Protein backbone atom coordinates (compact mmCIF):
# COMPACT_ATOMS: atom_id res chain seq x y z
CA MET A 1 230.63 254.90 60.81
CA PRO A 2 227.42 252.87 61.19
CA THR A 3 225.30 253.14 64.31
CA THR A 4 225.48 249.68 65.85
CA ASP A 5 223.82 248.16 68.87
CA PRO A 6 225.84 245.85 71.16
CA ARG A 7 222.70 243.76 71.72
CA ILE A 8 222.82 242.78 68.06
CA ASP A 9 226.44 241.68 68.51
CA GLU A 10 225.19 239.47 71.36
CA HIS A 11 222.33 238.15 69.22
CA ILE A 12 224.76 237.19 66.46
CA ALA A 13 227.20 235.62 68.94
CA LYS A 14 224.42 233.48 70.45
CA ALA A 15 223.21 232.27 67.03
CA GLY A 16 224.27 228.90 65.67
CA ALA A 17 227.55 228.57 63.78
CA PHE A 18 225.69 228.28 60.45
CA ALA A 19 223.74 231.50 61.14
CA ARG A 20 226.54 233.89 62.16
CA PRO A 21 227.98 234.47 58.66
CA VAL A 22 224.46 235.03 57.24
CA LEU A 23 223.55 237.56 59.94
CA GLU A 24 226.89 239.37 59.62
CA ARG A 25 226.62 239.54 55.82
CA PHE A 26 223.09 240.95 55.93
CA ARG A 27 224.10 243.46 58.61
CA ALA A 28 227.05 244.63 56.51
CA LEU A 29 224.86 244.93 53.40
CA VAL A 30 222.29 247.03 55.26
CA HIS A 31 224.95 249.38 56.62
CA ARG A 32 226.58 249.68 53.20
CA GLN A 33 223.29 250.52 51.46
CA ILE A 34 221.76 252.64 54.24
CA PRO A 35 224.64 254.33 56.09
CA ASP A 36 222.24 256.38 58.25
CA CYS A 37 220.34 253.35 59.56
CA VAL A 38 220.18 252.67 63.27
CA GLU A 39 220.20 249.20 64.79
CA ALA A 40 217.64 248.22 67.39
CA ILE A 41 216.10 245.17 69.00
CA LYS A 42 212.37 245.01 68.35
CA TRP A 43 210.16 242.03 69.15
CA GLY A 44 213.31 240.28 70.35
CA MET A 45 214.96 240.45 66.91
CA PRO A 46 217.57 242.72 65.32
CA HIS A 47 216.03 245.50 63.22
CA PHE A 48 217.38 248.34 61.13
CA THR A 49 215.53 251.65 61.30
CA LEU A 50 215.73 254.90 59.41
CA GLY A 51 214.24 258.00 60.99
CA GLY A 52 212.61 255.83 63.65
CA LYS A 53 210.80 253.70 61.06
CA ASN A 54 211.51 250.00 60.53
CA VAL A 55 213.29 249.16 57.27
CA ALA A 56 214.47 245.56 57.68
CA GLY A 57 215.17 242.89 60.24
CA MET A 58 216.72 239.49 60.71
CA ALA A 59 216.21 236.52 62.99
CA ALA A 60 218.18 233.36 63.70
CA PHE A 61 216.33 230.12 64.40
CA LYS A 62 217.53 226.58 65.16
CA LYS A 63 217.96 225.53 61.55
CA HIS A 64 217.62 228.69 59.48
CA VAL A 65 217.88 232.47 59.33
CA SER A 66 215.11 234.78 58.14
CA VAL A 67 215.67 238.19 56.63
CA PHE A 68 212.69 240.49 56.18
CA PHE A 69 211.82 243.91 54.84
CA HIS A 70 209.06 245.98 56.41
CA ASN A 71 206.04 246.97 54.30
CA ASP A 72 207.32 244.65 51.59
CA ASP A 73 204.94 244.51 48.66
CA GLN A 74 207.23 242.59 46.31
CA PRO A 75 205.67 239.73 44.34
CA GLY A 76 206.51 236.38 45.87
CA GLY A 77 206.57 237.73 49.41
CA ALA A 78 209.56 236.73 51.50
CA GLY A 79 210.61 234.13 48.92
CA PRO A 80 214.34 233.39 49.20
CA PHE A 81 214.63 235.41 52.42
CA ARG A 82 212.34 233.27 54.55
CA LYS A 83 214.61 230.27 55.23
CA ILE A 84 218.33 230.72 54.67
CA ALA A 85 220.02 227.52 55.84
CA ASP A 86 223.65 228.67 55.49
CA ILE A 87 225.86 231.30 53.85
CA ASP A 88 225.79 229.40 50.54
CA ALA A 89 222.00 229.80 50.44
CA PHE A 90 222.20 233.58 50.95
CA PRO A 91 220.18 235.31 48.20
CA ASP A 92 221.89 237.22 45.42
CA GLU A 93 223.38 240.45 46.75
CA GLY A 94 221.72 242.47 43.98
CA LEU A 95 218.30 241.18 45.06
CA VAL A 96 218.98 242.15 48.69
CA VAL A 97 220.13 245.62 47.63
CA ASP A 98 217.01 246.06 45.47
CA ARG A 99 214.73 245.11 48.37
CA LEU A 100 216.56 247.47 50.74
CA ASN A 101 216.30 250.34 48.27
CA ALA A 102 212.60 249.60 47.76
CA ALA A 103 212.02 249.57 51.54
CA VAL A 104 213.70 252.98 51.90
CA ALA A 105 211.69 254.32 48.94
CA ARG A 106 208.44 253.13 50.54
CA LEU A 107 209.36 254.95 53.75
CA SER A 108 209.94 258.17 51.82
CA ALA A 109 206.73 257.73 49.82
CA SER A 110 204.65 256.99 52.90
CA LYS A 111 205.56 260.37 54.40
CA VAL A 112 204.00 262.11 51.43
CA ALA A 113 200.99 259.80 51.08
CA ARG A 114 199.76 260.09 54.65
CA SER A 115 196.94 262.49 55.19
CA ARG A 116 195.77 263.84 58.47
CA VAL A 117 192.63 262.20 59.78
CA ALA A 118 189.88 264.75 60.22
CA THR A 119 188.62 265.06 63.78
CA LYS A 120 184.92 264.76 64.37
CA ARG A 121 183.30 268.04 65.26
CA VAL A 122 180.90 268.35 68.15
CA PRO A 123 177.42 268.86 66.66
CA SER A 124 175.40 271.87 67.74
CA VAL A 125 173.39 271.45 70.92
CA PRO A 126 169.62 271.13 70.26
CA GLU A 127 167.62 274.01 71.72
CA ALA A 128 165.54 271.84 74.07
CA PHE A 129 168.71 270.21 75.44
CA ALA A 130 170.44 273.59 75.86
CA ALA A 131 167.43 274.92 77.79
CA ALA A 132 167.38 271.84 80.04
CA LEU A 133 171.11 272.21 80.73
CA ASP A 134 170.63 275.87 81.69
CA THR A 135 167.64 275.25 83.98
CA GLY A 136 169.13 272.10 85.54
CA GLY A 137 172.40 273.84 86.38
CA ALA A 138 174.40 271.33 84.35
CA ARG A 139 175.66 273.78 81.69
CA SER A 140 179.09 274.34 83.29
CA ARG A 141 179.65 270.58 83.73
CA PHE A 142 178.60 269.95 80.11
CA ASP A 143 180.91 272.67 78.78
CA GLY A 144 183.76 271.20 80.84
CA MET A 145 183.40 267.73 79.31
CA ALA A 146 185.69 266.44 76.59
CA PRO A 147 184.42 267.03 73.03
CA GLY A 148 183.81 263.30 72.55
CA GLN A 149 181.69 263.10 75.69
CA ARG A 150 179.60 266.10 74.60
CA ARG A 151 179.20 264.57 71.13
CA GLU A 152 177.97 261.26 72.63
CA TYR A 153 175.23 263.02 74.60
CA ILE A 154 174.14 265.19 71.67
CA GLU A 155 174.05 262.26 69.23
CA TRP A 156 172.08 260.15 71.74
CA ILE A 157 169.46 262.88 72.01
CA VAL A 158 169.32 263.72 68.30
CA GLU A 159 168.91 260.10 67.19
CA ALA A 160 165.72 259.65 69.24
CA LYS A 161 162.88 258.87 66.83
CA SER A 162 159.98 260.28 68.82
CA ASP A 163 159.54 263.48 70.81
CA ALA A 164 158.65 261.51 73.95
CA THR A 165 161.91 259.55 73.75
CA ARG A 166 163.86 262.73 73.08
CA GLU A 167 162.37 264.46 76.14
CA LYS A 168 163.08 261.40 78.31
CA ARG A 169 166.69 261.32 77.11
CA ILE A 170 167.13 265.06 77.71
CA ALA A 171 165.92 264.64 81.31
CA GLN A 172 168.19 261.63 81.87
CA ALA A 173 171.19 263.33 80.24
CA THR A 174 170.74 266.48 82.31
CA GLU A 175 170.65 264.41 85.50
CA TRP A 176 173.81 262.44 84.58
CA ILE A 177 175.69 265.55 83.47
CA ALA A 178 174.83 267.33 86.73
CA GLU A 179 176.39 264.33 88.52
CA GLY A 180 179.49 264.60 86.28
CA LYS A 181 178.89 261.28 84.52
CA PRO A 182 179.80 260.61 80.87
CA ARG A 183 177.13 259.17 78.58
CA ASN A 184 178.15 255.49 78.96
CA TRP A 185 179.20 255.72 82.59
CA LYS A 186 177.50 252.42 83.44
CA TYR A 187 179.93 250.50 81.25
CA LYS A 188 183.15 252.12 82.45
CA LYS A 189 185.43 250.02 84.63
CA SER A 190 185.81 251.58 88.03
């Protein structure tokens, strides 16, 4: 038994007389090809999902119906699916089935292809900055900051081109950290 959404029944009922048979046919094809799919309304249009991921969708307009497949990389793009004027203009069932199968295959392939994005590590604290944090009493505040906030301070100090600039930045950073301020505190909305 397919998982249906009563909101899609409403969407089909509200569509024009020419659109209802097209929407119902596509819906039946999707449920026949992908029995585990779940219906949902996304962006105000009926969609079919598998494992929480979008597979296909449909939309009724004043003079046509559009049927679409997510992450579709088929040559010709939407082609015959973009503007379906009536049930007689519905694309060949074999073509619809092929696109549905390809969409499901892309979902399965994308699970394997995704790699985890490496998180940026916090660079080591320069000795002069560490000493200033210890003497200024800001060490505990600095250690309590989020890794990204610590990284911003360290990078700001390390990228100074001259020793004078580096010392000035260390003094400024120590003062701001003691006050509990992140590196770009001036630009944060309050």
